[in-house]
């Protein structure tokens, strides 16, 4: 079964690459606090490029989910090839615009093989 889901992950990446666009996932870790100086050190920024599709929410989704705000978007990211999974504290850059990830963050992961991440993003 794992082979089937690996093939599905490859297919998802191919389709999103063909019809989507590059997405930058940015993880920012705050610098450590130095009590001697009373300041924090520089932040550590880690970035990876993914393939994603940015979509609008439908009217029906707005009615069914009160956590969606006007201007929020759906972002579907292919899981194949990612060094690390996106998290709620990450930022994503799509079309030069920086978005925050808000709950829910869904991982499509049948039989332990990540295929797709579905994110709700807000700028």
PDB file of N, CA and C in Angstrom:
ATOM      1  N   UNK A   1       0.804  -1.188   0.000  1.00  0.00           N
ATOM      2  CA  UNK A   1       0.000   0.000   0.000  1.00  0.00           C
ATOM      3  C   UNK A   1       0.856   1.264   0.000  1.00  0.00           C
ATOM      4  N   UNK A   2       2.003   1.204   0.686  1.00  0.00           N
ATOM      5  CA  UNK A   2       2.855   2.396   0.761  1.00  0.00           C
ATOM      6  C   UNK A   2       3.315   2.834  -0.628  1.00  0.00           C
ATOM      7  N   UNK A   3       3.569   1.878  -1.519  1.00  0.00           N
ATOM      8  CA  UNK A   3       3.980   2.224  -2.874  1.00  0.00           C
ATOM      9  C   UNK A   3       2.894   3.019  -3.584  1.00  0.00           C
ATOM     10  N   UNK A   4       1.647   2.626  -3.404  1.00  0.00           N
ATOM     11  CA  UNK A   4       0.528   3.348  -4.016  1.00  0.00           C
ATOM     12  C   UNK A   4       0.506   4.796  -3.540  1.00  0.00           C
ATOM     13  N   UNK A   5       0.645   5.015  -2.228  1.00  0.00           N
ATOM     14  CA  UNK A   5       0.592   6.369  -1.696  1.00  0.00           C
ATOM     15  C   UNK A   5       1.828   7.180  -2.076  1.00  0.00           C
ATOM     16  N   UNK A   6       2.972   6.533  -2.213  1.00  0.00           N
ATOM     17  CA  UNK A   6       4.156   7.237  -2.714  1.00  0.00           C
ATOM     18  C   UNK A   6       3.910   7.729  -4.138  1.00  0.00           C
ATOM     19  N   UNK A   7       3.277   6.888  -4.948  1.00  0.00           N
ATOM     20  CA  UNK A   7       2.947   7.287  -6.321  1.00  0.00           C
ATOM     21  C   UNK A   7       1.941   8.441  -6.318  1.00  0.00           C
ATOM     22  N   UNK A   8       1.002   8.423  -5.389  1.00  0.00           N
ATOM     23  CA  UNK A   8       0.026   9.513  -5.273  1.00  0.00           C
ATOM     24  C   UNK A   8       0.725  10.821  -4.881  1.00  0.00           C
ATOM     25  N   UNK A   9       1.711  10.740  -3.999  1.00  0.00           N
ATOM     26  CA  UNK A   9       2.459  11.931  -3.591  1.00  0.00           C
ATOM     27  C   UNK A   9       3.230  12.506  -4.774  1.00  0.00           C
ATOM     28  N   UNK A  10       3.826  11.639  -5.576  1.00  0.00           N
ATOM     29  CA  UNK A  10       4.546  12.087  -6.777  1.00  0.00           C
ATOM     30  C   UNK A  10       3.569  12.740  -7.752  1.00  0.00           C
ATOM     31  N   UNK A  11       2.403  12.124  -7.944  1.00  0.00           N
ATOM     32  CA  UNK A  11       1.401  12.671  -8.854  1.00  0.00           C
ATOM     33  C   UNK A  11       0.885  14.032  -8.359  1.00  0.00           C
ATOM     34  N   UNK A  12       0.669  14.164  -7.048  1.00  0.00           N
ATOM     35  CA  UNK A  12       0.217  15.445  -6.494  1.00  0.00           C
ATOM     36  C   UNK A  12       1.258  16.527  -6.751  1.00  0.00           C
ATOM     37  N   UNK A  13       2.533  16.218  -6.544  1.00  0.00           N
ATOM     38  CA  UNK A  13       3.594  17.185  -6.802  1.00  0.00           C
ATOM     39  C   UNK A  13       3.630  17.576  -8.271  1.00  0.00           C
ATOM     40  N   UNK A  14       3.510  16.604  -9.172  1.00  0.00           N
ATOM     41  CA  UNK A  14       3.542  16.903 -10.606  1.00  0.00           C
ATOM     42  C   UNK A  14       2.373  17.809 -11.006  1.00  0.00           C
ATOM     43  N   UNK A  15       1.179  17.514 -10.519  1.00  0.00           N
ATOM     44  CA  UNK A  15      -0.002  18.310 -10.878  1.00  0.00           C
ATOM     45  C   UNK A  15       0.088  19.726 -10.310  1.00  0.00           C
ATOM     46  N   UNK A  16       0.509  19.839  -9.056  1.00  0.00           N
ATOM     47  CA  UNK A  16       0.603  21.166  -8.446  1.00  0.00           C
ATOM     48  C   UNK A  16       1.733  21.964  -9.086  1.00  0.00           C
ATOM     49  N   UNK A  17       2.819  21.315  -9.456  1.00  0.00           N
ATOM     50  CA  UNK A  17       3.900  22.008 -10.153  1.00  0.00           C
ATOM     51  C   UNK A  17       3.414  22.538 -11.500  1.00  0.00           C
ATOM     52  N   UNK A  18       2.624  21.731 -12.216  1.00  0.00           N
ATOM     53  CA  UNK A  18       2.132  22.134 -13.532  1.00  0.00           C
ATOM     54  C   UNK A  18       1.112  23.270 -13.441  1.00  0.00           C
ATOM     55  N   UNK A  19       0.201  23.192 -12.481  1.00  0.00           N
ATOM     56  CA  UNK A  19      -0.900  24.152 -12.431  1.00  0.00           C
ATOM     57  C   UNK A  19      -0.781  25.181 -11.313  1.00  0.00           C
ATOM     58  N   UNK A  20       0.194  25.021 -10.437  1.00  0.00           N
ATOM     59  CA  UNK A  20       0.349  25.926  -9.307  1.00  0.00           C
ATOM     60  C   UNK A  20       1.515  26.878  -9.498  1.00  0.00           C
ATOM     61  N   UNK A  21       2.168  27.174  -8.390  1.00  0.00           N
ATOM     62  CA  UNK A  21       3.261  28.138  -8.403  1.00  0.00           C
ATOM     63  C   UNK A  21       4.202  27.861  -7.230  1.00  0.00           C
ATOM     64  N   UNK A  22       5.422  28.390  -7.297  1.00  0.00           N
ATOM     65  CA  UNK A  22       6.338  28.228  -6.169  1.00  0.00           C
ATOM     66  C   UNK A  22       5.841  28.997  -4.949  1.00  0.00           C
ATOM     67  N   UNK A  23       6.031  28.375  -3.793  1.00  0.00           N
ATOM     68  CA  UNK A  23       5.645  28.956  -2.511  1.00  0.00           C
ATOM     69  C   UNK A  23       6.859  28.861  -1.592  1.00  0.00           C
ATOM     70  N   UNK A  24       7.166  29.946  -0.920  1.00  0.00           N
ATOM     71  CA  UNK A  24       8.275  29.943   0.028  1.00  0.00           C
ATOM     72  C   UNK A  24       7.708  29.754   1.430  1.00  0.00           C
ATOM     73  N   UNK A  25       8.176  28.724   2.131  1.00  0.00           N
ATOM     74  CA  UNK A  25       7.766  28.493   3.517  1.00  0.00           C
ATOM     75  C   UNK A  25       8.911  28.974   4.393  1.00  0.00           C
ATOM     76  N   UNK A  26       8.592  29.868   5.321  1.00  0.00           N
ATOM     77  CA  UNK A  26       9.617  30.513   6.144  1.00  0.00           C
ATOM     78  C   UNK A  26       9.382  30.182   7.618  1.00  0.00           C
ATOM     79  N   UNK A  27      10.403  29.635   8.255  1.00  0.00           N
ATOM     80  CA  UNK A  27      10.361  29.330   9.684  1.00  0.00           C
ATOM     81  C   UNK A  27      11.317  30.291  10.390  1.00  0.00           C
ATOM     82  N   UNK A  28      10.798  31.048  11.338  1.00  0.00           N
ATOM     83  CA  UNK A  28      11.605  32.040  12.055  1.00  0.00           C
ATOM     84  C   UNK A  28      11.671  31.645  13.530  1.00  0.00           C
ATOM     85  N   UNK A  29      12.877  31.374  13.987  1.00  0.00           N
ATOM     86  CA  UNK A  29      13.106  31.050  15.402  1.00  0.00           C
ATOM     87  C   UNK A  29      13.723  32.286  16.069  1.00  0.00           C
ATOM     88  N   UNK A  30      13.072  32.799  17.121  1.00  0.00           N
ATOM     89  CA  UNK A  30      13.611  33.982  17.796  1.00  0.00           C
ATOM     90  C   UNK A  30      14.991  33.699  18.397  1.00  0.00           C
ATOM     91  N   UNK A  31      15.828  34.727  18.409  1.00  0.00           N
ATOM     92  CA  UNK A  31      17.150  34.602  19.010  1.00  0.00           C
ATOM     93  C   UNK A  31      17.051  34.406  20.512  1.00  0.00           C
ATOM     94  N   UNK A  32      18.076  33.795  21.074  1.00  0.00           N
ATOM     95  CA  UNK A  32      18.083  33.529  22.512  1.00  0.00           C
ATOM     96  C   UNK A  32      18.298  34.815  23.295  1.00  0.00           C
ATOM     97  N   UNK A  33      17.611  34.897  24.415  1.00  0.00           N
ATOM     98  CA  UNK A  33      17.731  36.058  25.293  1.00  0.00           C
ATOM     99  C   UNK A  33      19.028  35.970  26.087  1.00  0.00           C
ATOM    100  N   UNK A  34      19.751  37.078  26.118  1.00  0.00           N
ATOM    101  CA  UNK A  34      20.996  37.170  26.882  1.00  0.00           C
ATOM    102  C   UNK A  34      20.737  38.055  28.091  1.00  0.00           C
ATOM    103  N   UNK A  35      20.641  37.475  29.298  1.00  0.00           N
ATOM    104  CA  UNK A  35      20.348  38.293  30.477  1.00  0.00           C
ATOM    105  C   UNK A  35      21.460  39.294  30.803  1.00  0.00           C
ATOM    106  N   UNK A  36      22.673  39.009  30.352  1.00  0.00           N
ATOM    107  CA  UNK A  36      23.787  39.924  30.596  1.00  0.00           C
ATOM    108  C   UNK A  36      23.618  41.254  29.871  1.00  0.00           C
ATOM    109  N   UNK A  37      23.106  41.211  28.655  1.00  0.00           N
ATOM    110  CA  UNK A  37      22.918  42.440  27.877  1.00  0.00           C
ATOM    111  C   UNK A  37      21.473  42.909  27.890  1.00  0.00           C
ATOM    112  N   UNK A  38      20.561  41.998  28.284  1.00  0.00           N
ATOM    113  CA  UNK A  38      19.143  42.360  28.296  1.00  0.00           C
ATOM    114  C   UNK A  38      18.516  42.373  26.906  1.00  0.00           C
ATOM    115  N   UNK A  39      19.188  41.743  25.945  1.00  0.00           N
ATOM    116  CA  UNK A  39      18.651  41.722  24.579  1.00  0.00           C
ATOM    117  C   UNK A  39      18.644  40.287  24.049  1.00  0.00           C
ATOM    118  N   UNK A  40      17.928  40.123  22.967  1.00  0.00           N
ATOM    119  CA  UNK A  40      17.887  38.822  22.308  1.00  0.00           C
ATOM    120  C   UNK A  40      18.838  38.844  21.125  1.00  0.00           C
ATOM    121  N   UNK A  41      19.385  37.691  20.832  1.00  0.00           N
ATOM    122  CA  UNK A  41      20.257  37.561  19.676  1.00  0.00           C
ATOM    123  C   UNK A  41      19.439  37.590  18.392  1.00  0.00           C
ATOM    124  N   UNK A  42      20.106  37.497  17.263  1.00  0.00           N
ATOM    125  CA  UNK A  42      19.391  37.542  15.984  1.00  0.00           C
ATOM    126  C   UNK A  42      18.497  36.312  15.785  1.00  0.00           C
ATOM    127  N   UNK A  43      17.413  36.526  15.069  1.00  0.00           N
ATOM    128  CA  UNK A  43      16.510  35.426  14.728  1.00  0.00           C
ATOM    129  C   UNK A  43      17.198  34.501  13.728  1.00  0.00           C
ATOM    130  N   UNK A  44      16.801  33.234  13.760  1.00  0.00           N
ATOM    131  CA  UNK A  44      17.270  32.257  12.793  1.00  0.00           C
ATOM    132  C   UNK A  44      16.136  32.002  11.807  1.00  0.00           C
ATOM    133  N   UNK A  45      16.400  32.252  10.535  1.00  0.00           N
ATOM    134  CA  UNK A  45      15.381  32.091   9.495  1.00  0.00           C
ATOM    135  C   UNK A  45      15.763  30.910   8.618  1.00  0.00           C
ATOM    136  N   UNK A  46      14.825  29.965   8.481  1.00  0.00           N
ATOM    137  CA  UNK A  46      15.000  28.809   7.613  1.00  0.00           C
ATOM    138  C   UNK A  46      13.900  28.870   6.567  1.00  0.00           C
ATOM    139  N   UNK A  47      14.275  28.675   5.305  1.00  0.00           N
ATOM    140  CA  UNK A  47      13.296  28.744   4.223  1.00  0.00           C
ATOM    141  C   UNK A  47      13.406  27.513   3.337  1.00  0.00           C
ATOM    142  N   UNK A  48      12.274  27.145   2.763  1.00  0.00           N
ATOM    143  CA  UNK A  48      12.250  26.093   1.754  1.00  0.00           C
ATOM    144  C   UNK A  48      11.212  26.467   0.706  1.00  0.00           C
ATOM    145  N   UNK A  49      11.460  26.039  -0.510  1.00  0.00           N
ATOM    146  CA  UNK A  49      10.524  26.301  -1.598  1.00  0.00           C
ATOM    147  C   UNK A  49       9.670  25.065  -1.805  1.00  0.00           C
ATOM    148  N   UNK A  50       8.377  25.306  -1.939  1.00  0.00           N
ATOM    149  CA  UNK A  50       7.409  24.240  -2.179  1.00  0.00           C
ATOM    150  C   UNK A  50       6.599  24.599  -3.416  1.00  0.00           C
ATOM    151  N   UNK A  51       5.752  23.693  -3.827  1.00  0.00           N
ATOM    152  CA  UNK A  51       4.823  23.947  -4.925  1.00  0.00           C
ATOM    153  C   UNK A  51       3.420  24.000  -4.338  1.00  0.00           C
ATOM    154  N   UNK A  52       2.662  25.055  -4.688  1.00  0.00           N
ATOM    155  CA  UNK A  52       1.345  25.201  -4.098  1.00  0.00           C
ATOM    156  C   UNK A  52       0.347  25.837  -5.036  1.00  0.00           C
ATOM    157  N   UNK A  53      -0.898  25.769  -4.612  1.00  0.00           N
ATOM    158  CA  UNK A  53      -2.008  26.386  -5.330  1.00  0.00           C
ATOM    159  C   UNK A  53      -2.757  27.251  -4.328  1.00  0.00           C
ATOM    160  N   UNK A  54      -2.908  28.541  -4.643  1.00  0.00           N
ATOM    161  CA  UNK A  54      -3.616  29.492  -3.788  1.00  0.00           C
ATOM    162  C   UNK A  54      -5.034  29.653  -4.324  1.00  0.00           C
ATOM    163  N   UNK A  55      -6.022  29.401  -3.470  1.00  0.00           N
ATOM    164  CA  UNK A  55      -7.426  29.410  -3.877  1.00  0.00           C
ATOM    165  C   UNK A  55      -8.264  30.287  -2.955  1.00  0.00           C
ATOM    166  N   UNK A  56      -9.396  30.756  -3.466  1.00  0.00           N
ATOM    167  CA  UNK A  56     -10.367  31.467  -2.645  1.00  0.00           C
ATOM    168  C   UNK A  56     -11.270  30.458  -1.953  1.00  0.00           C
ATOM    169  N   UNK A  57     -11.806  30.849  -0.792  1.00  0.00           N
ATOM    170  CA  UNK A  57     -12.832  30.047  -0.143  1.00  0.00           C
ATOM    171  C   UNK A  57     -14.160  30.289  -0.852  1.00  0.00           C
ATOM    172  N   UNK A  58     -14.999  29.286  -0.866  1.00  0.00           N
ATOM    173  CA  UNK A  58     -16.320  29.430  -1.478  1.00  0.00           C
ATOM    174  C   UNK A  58     -17.290  30.023  -0.454  1.00  0.00           C
ATOM    175  N   UNK A  59     -18.416  30.510  -0.937  1.00  0.00           N
ATOM    176  CA  UNK A  59     -19.440  31.040  -0.045  1.00  0.00           C
ATOM    177  C   UNK A  59     -19.935  29.997   0.938  1.00  0.00           C
ATOM    178  N   UNK A  60     -20.047  28.772   0.481  1.00  0.00           N
ATOM    179  CA  UNK A  60     -20.504  27.693   1.350  1.00  0.00           C
ATOM    180  C   UNK A  60     -19.497  27.435   2.474  1.00  0.00           C
ATOM    181  N   UNK A  61     -18.203  27.536   2.162  1.00  0.00           N
ATOM    182  CA  UNK A  61     -17.179  27.350   3.196  1.00  0.00           C
ATOM    183  C   UNK A  61     -17.244  28.470   4.232  1.00  0.00           C
ATOM    184  N   UNK A  62     -17.529  29.715   3.795  1.00  0.00           N
ATOM    185  CA  UNK A  62     -17.684  30.821   4.739  1.00  0.00           C
ATOM    186  C   UNK A  62     -18.840  30.551   5.692  1.00  0.00           C
ATOM    187  N   UNK A  63     -19.937  30.012   5.180  1.00  0.00           N
ATOM    188  CA  UNK A  63     -21.103  29.736   6.017  1.00  0.00           C
ATOM    189  C   UNK A  63     -20.836  28.600   7.000  1.00  0.00           C
ATOM    190  N   UNK A  64     -20.077  27.615   6.580  1.00  0.00           N
ATOM    191  CA  UNK A  64     -19.834  26.437   7.411  1.00  0.00           C
ATOM    192  C   UNK A  64     -18.724  26.639   8.433  1.00  0.00           C
ATOM    193  N   UNK A  65     -17.860  27.625   8.244  1.00  0.00           N
ATOM    194  CA  UNK A  65     -16.701  27.801   9.127  1.00  0.00           C
ATOM    195  C   UNK A  65     -16.582  29.260   9.529  1.00  0.00           C
ATOM    196  N   UNK A  66     -16.922  29.552  10.768  1.00  0.00           N
ATOM    197  CA  UNK A  66     -16.898  30.940  11.230  1.00  0.00           C
ATOM    198  C   UNK A  66     -15.475  31.456  11.479  1.00  0.00           C
ATOM    199  N   UNK A  67     -14.466  30.604  11.377  1.00  0.00           N
ATOM    200  CA  UNK A  67     -13.083  31.043  11.586  1.00  0.00           C
ATOM    201  C   UNK A  67     -12.472  31.668  10.336  1.00  0.00           C
ATOM    202  N   UNK A  68     -13.158  31.552   9.201  1.00  0.00           N
ATOM    203  CA  UNK A  68     -12.661  32.133   7.956  1.00  0.00           C
ATOM    204  C   UNK A  68     -13.034  33.606   7.930  1.00  0.00           C
ATOM    205  N   UNK A  69     -12.049  34.462   7.682  1.00  0.00           N
ATOM    206  CA  UNK A  69     -12.283  35.902   7.569  1.00  0.00           C
ATOM    207  C   UNK A  69     -12.180  36.326   6.109  1.00  0.00           C
ATOM    208  N   UNK A  70     -12.810  37.450   5.801  1.00  0.00           N
ATOM    209  CA  UNK A  70     -12.723  37.984   4.445  1.00  0.00           C
ATOM    210  C   UNK A  70     -11.255  38.225   4.116  1.00  0.00           C
ATOM    211  N   UNK A  71     -10.820  37.768   2.972  1.00  0.00           N
ATOM    212  CA  UNK A  71      -9.425  37.907   2.557  1.00  0.00           C
ATOM    213  C   UNK A  71      -8.590  36.667   2.802  1.00  0.00           C
ATOM    214  N   UNK A  72      -9.084  35.741   3.630  1.00  0.00           N
ATOM    215  CA  UNK A  72      -8.359  34.483   3.843  1.00  0.00           C
ATOM    216  C   UNK A  72      -8.361  33.669   2.552  1.00  0.00           C
ATOM    217  N   UNK A  73      -7.337  32.855   2.389  1.00  0.00           N
ATOM    218  CA  UNK A  73      -7.207  31.996   1.211  1.00  0.00           C
ATOM    219  C   UNK A  73      -6.900  30.571   1.661  1.00  0.00           C
ATOM    220  N   UNK A  74      -7.163  29.632   0.761  1.00  0.00           N
ATOM    221  CA  UNK A  74      -6.739  28.245   0.934  1.00  0.00           C
ATOM    222  C   UNK A  74      -5.426  28.091   0.184  1.00  0.00           C
ATOM    223  N   UNK A  75      -4.496  27.407   0.780  1.00  0.00           N
ATOM    224  CA  UNK A  75      -3.231  27.108   0.120  1.00  0.00           C
ATOM    225  C   UNK A  75      -3.007  25.612   0.221  1.00  0.00           C
ATOM    226  N   UNK A  76      -2.901  24.969  -0.925  1.00  0.00           N
ATOM    227  CA  UNK A  76      -2.627  23.538  -0.975  1.00  0.00           C
ATOM    228  C   UNK A  76      -1.185  23.363  -1.425  1.00  0.00           C
ATOM    229  N   UNK A  77      -0.408  22.657  -0.612  1.00  0.00           N
ATOM    230  CA  UNK A  77       1.019  22.475  -0.861  1.00  0.00           C
ATOM    231  C   UNK A  77       1.312  20.989  -1.012  1.00  0.00           C
ATOM    232  N   UNK A  78       2.041  20.637  -2.064  1.00  0.00           N
ATOM    233  CA  UNK A  78       2.477  19.253  -2.261  1.00  0.00           C
ATOM    234  C   UNK A  78       3.497  18.891  -1.179  1.00  0.00           C
ATOM    235  N   UNK A  79       3.307  17.748  -0.549  1.00  0.00           N
ATOM    236  CA  UNK A  79       4.195  17.333   0.544  1.00  0.00           C
ATOM    237  C   UNK A  79       5.500  16.730   0.038  1.00  0.00           C
ATOM    238  N   UNK A  80       5.464  16.145  -1.134  1.00  0.00           N
ATOM    239  CA  UNK A  80       6.644  15.465  -1.680  1.00  0.00           C
ATOM    240  C   UNK A  80       7.794  16.451  -1.874  1.00  0.00           C
ATOM    241  N   UNK A  81       8.970  16.090  -1.396  1.00  0.00           N
ATOM    242  CA  UNK A  81      10.149  16.919  -1.589  1.00  0.00           C
ATOM    243  C   UNK A  81      10.386  17.964  -0.512  1.00  0.00           C
ATOM    244  N   UNK A  82       9.468  18.099   0.440  1.00  0.00           N
ATOM    245  CA  UNK A  82       9.686  19.078   1.503  1.00  0.00           C
ATOM    246  C   UNK A  82      10.684  18.543   2.526  1.00  0.00           C
ATOM    247  N   UNK A  83      11.533  19.432   3.011  1.00  0.00           N
ATOM    248  CA  UNK A  83      12.484  19.048   4.050  1.00  0.00           C
ATOM    249  C   UNK A  83      11.789  18.926   5.401  1.00  0.00           C
ATOM    250  N   UNK A  84      10.783  19.771   5.645  1.00  0.00           N
ATOM    251  CA  UNK A  84      10.015  19.757   6.886  1.00  0.00           C
ATOM    252  C   UNK A  84       8.595  20.218   6.578  1.00  0.00           C
ATOM    253  N   UNK A  85       7.677  19.767   7.402  1.00  0.00           N
ATOM    254  CA  UNK A  85       6.262  20.087   7.208  1.00  0.00           C
ATOM    255  C   UNK A  85       5.973  21.514   7.666  1.00  0.00           C
ATOM    256  N   UNK A  86       5.071  22.217   6.978  1.00  0.00           N
ATOM    257  CA  UNK A  86       4.699  23.552   7.441  1.00  0.00           C
ATOM    258  C   UNK A  86       3.987  23.479   8.786  1.00  0.00           C
ATOM    259  N   UNK A  87       4.177  24.516   9.584  1.00  0.00           N
ATOM    260  CA  UNK A  87       3.541  24.579  10.904  1.00  0.00           C
ATOM    261  C   UNK A  87       2.812  25.895  11.086  1.00  0.00           C
ATOM    262  N   UNK A  88       2.012  25.977  12.128  1.00  0.00           N
ATOM    263  CA  UNK A  88       1.195  27.167  12.370  1.00  0.00           C
ATOM    264  C   UNK A  88       2.022  28.420  12.645  1.00  0.00           C
ATOM    265  N   UNK A  89       3.264  28.267  13.071  1.00  0.00           N
ATOM    266  CA  UNK A  89       4.102  29.435  13.354  1.00  0.00           C
ATOM    267  C   UNK A  89       4.911  29.883  12.145  1.00  0.00           C
ATOM    268  N   UNK A  90       4.816  29.146  11.047  1.00  0.00           N
ATOM    269  CA  UNK A  90       5.534  29.518   9.823  1.00  0.00           C
ATOM    270  C   UNK A  90       4.794  30.614   9.081  1.00  0.00           C
ATOM    271  N   UNK A  91       5.494  31.246   8.173  1.00  0.00           N
ATOM    272  CA  UNK A  91       4.919  32.193   7.220  1.00  0.00           C
ATOM    273  C   UNK A  91       5.091  31.594   5.836  1.00  0.00           C
ATOM    274  N   UNK A  92       4.221  31.975   4.921  1.00  0.00           N
ATOM    275  CA  UNK A  92       4.374  31.561   3.530  1.00  0.00           C
ATOM    276  C   UNK A  92       4.376  32.803   2.651  1.00  0.00           C
ATOM    277  N   UNK A  93       5.192  32.762   1.622  1.00  0.00           N
ATOM    278  CA  UNK A  93       5.264  33.868   0.671  1.00  0.00           C
ATOM    279  C   UNK A  93       4.779  33.335  -0.670  1.00  0.00           C
ATOM    280  N   UNK A  94       3.695  33.937  -1.155  1.00  0.00           N
ATOM    281  CA  UNK A  94       3.106  33.552  -2.429  1.00  0.00           C
ATOM    282  C   UNK A  94       2.897  34.824  -3.236  1.00  0.00           C
ATOM    283  N   UNK A  95       3.402  34.847  -4.451  1.00  0.00           N
ATOM    284  CA  UNK A  95       3.275  35.997  -5.344  1.00  0.00           C
ATOM    285  C   UNK A  95       3.781  37.282  -4.684  1.00  0.00           C
ATOM    286  N   UNK A  96       4.873  37.159  -3.920  1.00  0.00           N
ATOM    287  CA  UNK A  96       5.488  38.311  -3.288  1.00  0.00           C
ATOM    288  C   UNK A  96       4.775  38.818  -2.046  1.00  0.00           C
ATOM    289  N   UNK A  97       3.722  38.154  -1.618  1.00  0.00           N
ATOM    290  CA  UNK A  97       2.942  38.574  -0.454  1.00  0.00           C
ATOM    291  C   UNK A  97       3.147  37.572   0.677  1.00  0.00           C
ATOM    292  N   UNK A  98       3.364  38.068   1.896  1.00  0.00           N
ATOM    293  CA  UNK A  98       3.596  37.201   3.048  1.00  0.00           C
ATOM    294  C   UNK A  98       2.276  36.924   3.756  1.00  0.00           C
ATOM    295  N   UNK A  99       2.041  35.650   4.039  1.00  0.00           N
ATOM    296  CA  UNK A  99       0.815  35.195   4.682  1.00  0.00           C
ATOM    297  C   UNK A  99       1.156  34.447   5.968  1.00  0.00           C
ATOM    298  N   UNK A 100       0.294  34.579   6.972  1.00  0.00           N
ATOM    299  CA  UNK A 100       0.386  33.778   8.191  1.00  0.00           C
ATOM    300  C   UNK A 100      -0.507  32.560   8.028  1.00  0.00           C
ATOM    301  N   UNK A 101      -0.102  31.465   8.633  1.00  0.00           N
ATOM    302  CA  UNK A 101      -0.906  30.246   8.618  1.00  0.00           C
ATOM    303  C   UNK A 101      -1.790  30.273   9.858  1.00  0.00           C
ATOM    304  N   UNK A 102      -3.079  30.079   9.654  1.00  0.00           N
ATOM    305  CA  UNK A 102      -4.020  30.040  10.773  1.00  0.00           C
ATOM    306  C   UNK A 102      -4.675  28.663  10.816  1.00  0.00           C
ATOM    307  N   UNK A 103      -5.112  28.242  11.990  1.00  0.00           N
ATOM    308  CA  UNK A 103      -5.779  26.939  12.061  1.00  0.00           C
ATOM    309  C   UNK A 103      -7.056  26.935  11.236  1.00  0.00           C
ATOM    310  N   UNK A 104      -7.404  25.845  10.634  1.00  0.00           N
ATOM    311  CA  UNK A 104      -6.760  24.534  10.733  1.00  0.00           C
ATOM    312  C   UNK A 104      -5.669  24.339   9.685  1.00  0.00           C
ATOM    313  N   UNK A 105      -4.709  23.517  10.009  1.00  0.00           N
ATOM    314  CA  UNK A 105      -3.678  23.077   9.070  1.00  0.00           C
ATOM    315  C   UNK A 105      -3.875  21.565   8.940  1.00  0.00           C
ATOM    316  N   UNK A 106      -4.278  21.131   7.773  1.00  0.00           N
ATOM    317  CA  UNK A 106      -4.577  19.716   7.566  1.00  0.00           C
ATOM    318  C   UNK A 106      -3.492  19.046   6.745  1.00  0.00           C
ATOM    319  N   UNK A 107      -3.114  17.862   7.176  1.00  0.00           N
ATOM    320  CA  UNK A 107      -2.165  17.042   6.429  1.00  0.00           C
ATOM    321  C   UNK A 107      -2.928  15.844   5.863  1.00  0.00           C
ATOM    322  N   UNK A 108      -2.905  15.707   4.553  1.00  0.00           N
ATOM    323  CA  UNK A 108      -3.480  14.521   3.921  1.00  0.00           C
ATOM    324  C   UNK A 108      -2.381  13.471   3.954  1.00  0.00           C
ATOM    325  N   UNK A 109      -2.583  12.443   4.777  1.00  0.00           N
ATOM    326  CA  UNK A 109      -1.510  11.523   5.111  1.00  0.00           C
ATOM    327  C   UNK A 109      -2.052  10.095   5.246  1.00  0.00           C
ATOM    328  N   UNK A 110      -2.506   9.483   4.153  1.00  0.00           N
ATOM    329  CA  UNK A 110      -2.995   8.113   4.273  1.00  0.00           C
ATOM    330  C   UNK A 110      -1.842   7.138   4.465  1.00  0.00           C
ATOM    331  N   UNK A 111      -2.011   6.225   5.375  1.00  0.00           N
ATOM    332  CA  UNK A 111      -1.021   5.162   5.630  1.00  0.00           C
ATOM    333  C   UNK A 111       0.368   5.704   5.942  1.00  0.00           C
ATOM    334  N   UNK A 112       0.432   6.909   6.541  1.00  0.00           N
ATOM    335  CA  UNK A 112       1.719   7.466   6.956  1.00  0.00           C
ATOM    336  C   UNK A 112       2.541   8.103   5.853  1.00  0.00           C
ATOM    337  N   UNK A 113       1.952   8.336   4.688  1.00  0.00           N
ATOM    338  CA  UNK A 113       2.662   8.963   3.578  1.00  0.00           C
ATOM    339  C   UNK A 113       2.065  10.340   3.313  1.00  0.00           C
ATOM    340  N   UNK A 114       2.731  11.424   3.721  1.00  0.00           N
ATOM    341  CA  UNK A 114       2.191  12.758   3.453  1.00  0.00           C
ATOM    342  C   UNK A 114       2.079  13.009   1.949  1.00  0.00           C
ATOM    343  N   UNK A 115       0.894  13.471   1.527  1.00  0.00           N
ATOM    344  CA  UNK A 115       0.647  13.752   0.119  1.00  0.00           C
ATOM    345  C   UNK A 115       0.438  15.251  -0.105  1.00  0.00           C
ATOM    346  N   UNK A 116      -0.306  15.883   0.806  1.00  0.00           N
ATOM    347  CA  UNK A 116      -0.730  17.255   0.586  1.00  0.00           C
ATOM    348  C   UNK A 116      -0.969  17.944   1.921  1.00  0.00           C
ATOM    349  N   UNK A 117      -0.653  19.225   1.986  1.00  0.00           N
ATOM    350  CA  UNK A 117      -0.973  20.049   3.149  1.00  0.00           C
ATOM    351  C   UNK A 117      -2.003  21.076   2.706  1.00  0.00           C
ATOM    352  N   UNK A 118      -3.082  21.193   3.473  1.00  0.00           N
ATOM    353  CA  UNK A 118      -4.117  22.193   3.206  1.00  0.00           C
ATOM    354  C   UNK A 118      -4.054  23.228   4.316  1.00  0.00           C
ATOM    355  N   UNK A 119      -3.753  24.464   3.939  1.00  0.00           N
ATOM    356  CA  UNK A 119      -3.577  25.535   4.902  1.00  0.00           C
ATOM    357  C   UNK A 119      -4.609  26.632   4.683  1.00  0.00           C
ATOM    358  N   UNK A 120      -4.987  27.281   5.764  1.00  0.00           N
ATOM    359  CA  UNK A 120      -5.746  28.512   5.688  1.00  0.00           C
ATOM    360  C   UNK A 120      -4.738  29.614   5.983  1.00  0.00           C
ATOM    361  N   UNK A 121      -4.634  30.588   5.066  1.00  0.00           N
ATOM    362  CA  UNK A 121      -3.627  31.647   5.228  1.00  0.00           C
ATOM    363  C   UNK A 121      -4.310  33.011   5.265  1.00  0.00           C
ATOM    364  N   UNK A 122      -3.666  33.933   5.966  1.00  0.00           N
ATOM    365  CA  UNK A 122      -4.207  35.280   6.155  1.00  0.00           C
ATOM    366  C   UNK A 122      -3.045  36.284   6.047  1.00  0.00           C
ATOM    367  N   UNK A 123      -3.308  37.388   5.347  1.00  0.00           N
ATOM    368  CA  UNK A 123      -2.235  38.407   5.224  1.00  0.00           C
ATOM    369  C   UNK A 123      -2.530  39.589   6.113  1.00  0.00           C
TER     370      UNK A 123
END
